[in-house]
């Protein structure tokens, strides 16, 4: 009996190690795919992806979602712009304001991302699919690509809509200067119930002091 129990325990430990190794490999693959897409668009990719990942987790927890869900959101969120690999350099890397035609081409990147991730088998990639396809939808229906409103937008995409816009505003781009943390925060709050889910904005307001601290850290200190 002791020998049998020892064998079972050994197999359980081995299976746990195999599962952990498999999940670790999956997470690394997801992150590297995300880096591939983001490197085409900006120079501070690692910092941006860490920020999006961390803020997504924090906002999900603040909004009352489970730690397991928040963890999955943390790891799936870096793939939000994977569809940008389908955009031409003339649009993605243009050092200035896009024309109306170029803006319409840019707006197709969620659809490209959806095509990359559609029919995914793992729960993590299914989550990433919904994030990728819908994170540019807006609470009032003014977003793209489908003009969805309110609860029609998956909750993970509503979370990403806030953290992605916030971080984008905080950072400088070839077409704009950085707004700063406080001004970016004010924009999110001002557009509660318009562009963003008001319940999620309320949760965002609760954790803003911690978010503000994150943006004071250097790359060596900021560990998601």
Protein backbone atom coordinates (compact mmCIF):
# COMPACT_ATOMS: atom_id res chain seq x y z
CA UNK A 1 0.00 0.00 0.00
CA UNK A 2 2.81 2.40 0.90
CA UNK A 3 4.58 1.53 -2.33
CA UNK A 4 1.39 2.19 -4.30
CA UNK A 5 0.81 5.53 -2.55
CA UNK A 6 4.40 6.50 -3.24
CA UNK A 7 3.97 5.72 -6.94
CA UNK A 8 0.75 7.75 -7.13
CA UNK A 9 2.38 10.68 -5.33
CA UNK A 10 5.39 10.53 -7.62
CA UNK A 11 3.20 10.49 -10.73
CA UNK A 12 1.13 13.41 -9.41
CA UNK A 13 4.24 15.50 -8.84
CA UNK A 14 5.58 14.59 -12.28
CA UNK A 15 2.27 15.50 -13.94
CA UNK A 16 2.22 18.81 -12.09
CA UNK A 17 5.74 19.58 -13.32
CA UNK A 18 4.77 18.69 -16.89
CA UNK A 19 1.69 20.93 -16.69
CA UNK A 20 3.73 23.80 -15.29
CA UNK A 21 6.37 23.40 -18.02
CA UNK A 22 3.66 23.30 -20.68
CA UNK A 23 1.95 26.42 -19.35
CA UNK A 24 5.28 28.22 -19.04
CA UNK A 25 6.08 27.40 -22.68
CA UNK A 26 2.63 28.57 -23.76
CA UNK A 27 3.00 31.88 -21.92
CA UNK A 28 6.46 32.47 -23.36
CA UNK A 29 5.17 31.80 -26.88
CA UNK A 30 2.29 34.23 -26.39
CA UNK A 31 4.63 36.95 -25.11
CA UNK A 32 7.07 36.51 -27.98
CA UNK A 33 4.25 36.68 -30.53
CA UNK A 34 3.09 39.90 -28.89
CA UNK A 35 6.60 41.38 -29.02
CA UNK A 36 6.83 40.53 -32.73
CA UNK A 37 3.72 42.59 -33.48
CA UNK A 38 4.57 45.49 -31.19
CA UNK A 39 8.16 45.88 -32.39
CA UNK A 40 6.82 46.96 -35.77
CA UNK A 41 4.94 49.80 -34.15
CA UNK A 42 7.05 51.25 -31.33
CA UNK A 43 10.48 51.18 -29.70
CA UNK A 44 9.45 50.70 -26.06
CA UNK A 45 7.68 47.37 -26.64
CA UNK A 46 8.75 45.45 -23.48
CA UNK A 47 7.65 48.27 -21.19
CA UNK A 48 4.34 48.70 -23.01
CA UNK A 49 3.50 45.00 -22.88
CA UNK A 50 4.39 44.73 -19.20
CA UNK A 51 2.25 47.77 -18.43
CA UNK A 52 -0.78 46.49 -20.35
CA UNK A 53 -0.40 43.10 -18.70
CA UNK A 54 -0.11 44.50 -15.18
CA UNK A 55 -2.89 47.07 -15.49
CA UNK A 56 -5.26 44.48 -16.95
CA UNK A 57 -4.70 42.23 -13.96
CA UNK A 58 -5.10 45.08 -11.47
CA UNK A 59 -8.29 46.37 -13.06
CA UNK A 60 -9.88 42.92 -13.25
CA UNK A 61 -9.21 42.32 -9.55
CA UNK A 62 -10.48 45.80 -8.62
CA UNK A 63 -13.66 45.14 -10.62
CA UNK A 64 -14.34 41.99 -8.58
CA UNK A 65 -13.23 39.25 -10.94
CA UNK A 66 -11.45 36.13 -9.71
CA UNK A 67 -7.68 35.90 -9.42
CA UNK A 68 -7.70 33.04 -11.94
CA UNK A 69 -9.54 35.16 -14.50
CA UNK A 70 -7.28 38.14 -13.81
CA UNK A 71 -4.18 35.97 -14.27
CA UNK A 72 -5.44 34.70 -17.62
CA UNK A 73 -6.19 38.27 -18.65
CA UNK A 74 -2.68 39.27 -17.60
CA UNK A 75 -1.15 36.70 -19.95
CA UNK A 76 -3.59 37.08 -22.86
CA UNK A 77 -3.63 40.89 -23.01
CA UNK A 78 -0.20 41.38 -24.65
CA UNK A 79 -1.65 39.88 -27.84
CA UNK A 80 -4.19 42.69 -28.19
CA UNK A 81 -2.45 44.23 -31.22
CA UNK A 82 -1.18 41.04 -32.90
CA UNK A 83 -3.21 42.02 -35.98
CA UNK A 84 -0.81 44.86 -36.72
CA UNK A 85 1.44 42.33 -38.45
CA UNK A 86 -1.08 42.55 -41.29
CA UNK A 87 -0.62 46.29 -41.83
CA UNK A 88 1.74 47.79 -44.37
CA UNK A 89 4.75 49.80 -43.18
CA UNK A 90 3.47 52.86 -45.04
CA UNK A 91 0.53 52.99 -42.63
CA UNK A 92 1.96 51.56 -39.43
CA UNK A 93 5.26 53.45 -39.51
CA UNK A 94 4.07 56.71 -41.01
CA UNK A 95 5.76 59.58 -39.08
CA UNK A 96 2.72 61.78 -38.89
CA UNK A 97 -1.06 61.95 -38.98
CA UNK A 98 -2.81 59.33 -41.07
CA UNK A 99 -5.12 60.23 -43.93
CA UNK A 100 -8.75 59.12 -43.75
CA UNK A 101 -7.99 56.20 -46.07
CA UNK A 102 -5.00 55.18 -43.96
CA UNK A 103 -7.08 55.39 -40.79
CA UNK A 104 -9.59 52.97 -42.29
CA UNK A 105 -6.79 50.55 -43.11
CA UNK A 106 -5.43 50.89 -39.56
CA UNK A 107 -8.86 50.05 -38.17
CA UNK A 108 -8.66 46.62 -39.79
CA UNK A 109 -5.95 45.36 -37.43
CA UNK A 110 -8.44 43.90 -34.90
CA UNK A 111 -9.96 41.85 -37.72
CA UNK A 112 -6.52 40.62 -38.79
CA UNK A 113 -5.80 39.68 -35.19
CA UNK A 114 -9.10 37.86 -34.94
CA UNK A 115 -8.25 35.84 -38.04
CA UNK A 116 -4.92 34.85 -36.49
CA UNK A 117 -6.52 33.62 -33.27
CA UNK A 118 -9.92 32.35 -34.45
CA UNK A 119 -10.81 28.77 -33.49
CA UNK A 120 -8.12 28.67 -30.81
CA UNK A 121 -8.38 25.61 -28.57
CA UNK A 122 -6.87 26.84 -25.30
CA UNK A 123 -8.88 29.01 -22.91
CA UNK A 124 -6.04 31.52 -22.83
CA UNK A 125 -6.01 32.02 -26.60
CA UNK A 126 -9.81 32.14 -26.71
CA UNK A 127 -9.57 35.02 -24.25
CA UNK A 128 -6.86 36.63 -26.39
CA UNK A 129 -9.12 36.29 -29.44
CA UNK A 130 -11.92 38.26 -27.79
CA UNK A 131 -9.48 40.89 -26.56
CA UNK A 132 -7.82 41.27 -29.95
CA UNK A 133 -11.03 41.51 -31.95
CA UNK A 134 -13.02 43.82 -29.68
CA UNK A 135 -10.66 46.04 -27.66
CA UNK A 136 -11.28 49.04 -29.95
CA UNK A 137 -15.05 48.85 -29.48
CA UNK A 138 -16.43 51.70 -27.36
CA UNK A 139 -19.13 51.63 -24.70
CA UNK A 140 -21.39 54.05 -26.65
CA UNK A 141 -21.03 52.14 -29.91
CA UNK A 142 -18.60 54.58 -31.54
CA UNK A 143 -15.72 52.09 -31.75
CA UNK A 144 -14.62 49.59 -34.39
CA UNK A 145 -14.67 47.19 -36.15
CA UNK A 146 -18.34 46.37 -35.44
CA UNK A 147 -19.72 49.32 -33.44
CA UNK A 148 -20.78 47.15 -30.49
CA UNK A 149 -22.31 48.77 -27.39
CA UNK A 150 -22.20 48.16 -23.64
CA UNK A 151 -22.53 44.49 -22.63
CA UNK A 152 -22.33 43.39 -26.26
CA UNK A 153 -18.61 44.05 -25.90
CA UNK A 154 -16.86 41.19 -24.03
CA UNK A 155 -15.77 42.27 -20.55
CA UNK A 156 -12.09 41.53 -21.22
CA UNK A 157 -12.19 43.86 -24.23
CA UNK A 158 -13.82 46.58 -22.10
CA UNK A 159 -10.99 46.22 -19.59
CA UNK A 160 -8.36 46.40 -22.33
CA UNK A 161 -10.04 49.46 -23.84
CA UNK A 162 -9.29 51.41 -20.66
CA UNK A 163 -5.74 50.27 -19.97
CA UNK A 164 -4.64 50.40 -23.62
CA UNK A 165 -5.92 53.95 -24.16
CA UNK A 166 -4.52 55.09 -20.83
CA UNK A 167 -1.04 53.75 -21.52
CA UNK A 168 -1.06 55.03 -25.11
CA UNK A 169 -1.88 58.53 -23.87
CA UNK A 170 0.89 58.36 -21.28
CA UNK A 171 3.50 57.50 -23.91
CA UNK A 172 4.98 59.63 -26.68
CA UNK A 173 4.51 58.68 -30.32
CA UNK A 174 5.80 60.07 -33.61
CA UNK A 175 2.46 61.87 -34.00
CA UNK A 176 2.04 63.14 -30.40
CA UNK A 177 3.84 63.91 -27.17
CA UNK A 178 3.16 62.08 -23.90
CA UNK A 179 0.19 63.45 -22.00
CA UNK A 180 1.35 62.48 -18.54
CA UNK A 181 -0.33 60.19 -16.05
CA UNK A 182 -2.77 62.70 -14.51
CA UNK A 183 -4.02 64.11 -17.81
CA UNK A 184 -4.45 60.59 -19.20
CA UNK A 185 -6.38 59.57 -16.08
CA UNK A 186 -8.66 62.62 -16.44
CA UNK A 187 -9.42 61.56 -20.02
CA UNK A 188 -10.50 58.09 -18.89
CA UNK A 189 -12.73 59.51 -16.15
CA UNK A 190 -14.22 62.15 -18.46
CA UNK A 191 -15.26 59.47 -20.94
CA UNK A 192 -16.87 57.14 -18.40
CA UNK A 193 -20.18 55.94 -19.85
CA UNK A 194 -19.17 57.23 -23.29
CA UNK A 195 -16.07 55.43 -24.49
CA UNK A 196 -15.57 53.29 -21.40
CA UNK A 197 -17.64 51.05 -19.13
CA UNK A 198 -18.57 53.24 -16.10
CA UNK A 199 -18.27 50.35 -13.63
CA UNK A 200 -14.76 49.62 -14.84
CA UNK A 201 -13.85 53.32 -14.72
CA UNK A 202 -15.01 53.37 -11.08
CA UNK A 203 -12.70 50.43 -10.37
CA UNK A 204 -9.90 52.20 -12.27
CA UNK A 205 -10.32 55.25 -10.04
CA UNK A 206 -9.88 53.07 -6.94
CA UNK A 207 -6.52 51.73 -8.07
CA UNK A 208 -5.20 54.93 -9.65
CA UNK A 209 -2.83 55.69 -6.73
CA UNK A 210 -1.09 52.32 -7.32
CA UNK A 211 -1.07 52.93 -11.07
CA UNK A 212 0.49 56.33 -10.57
CA UNK A 213 3.27 54.71 -8.54
CA UNK A 214 3.98 52.20 -11.33
CA UNK A 215 4.62 55.00 -13.79
CA UNK A 216 7.33 56.44 -11.56
CA UNK A 217 9.37 53.23 -11.68
CA UNK A 218 12.25 52.61 -14.06
CA UNK A 219 12.41 49.52 -16.25
CA UNK A 220 14.68 47.74 -13.75
CA UNK A 221 12.17 48.29 -10.95
CA UNK A 222 8.91 47.66 -12.82
CA UNK A 223 8.28 43.93 -12.45
CA UNK A 224 4.74 42.78 -13.35
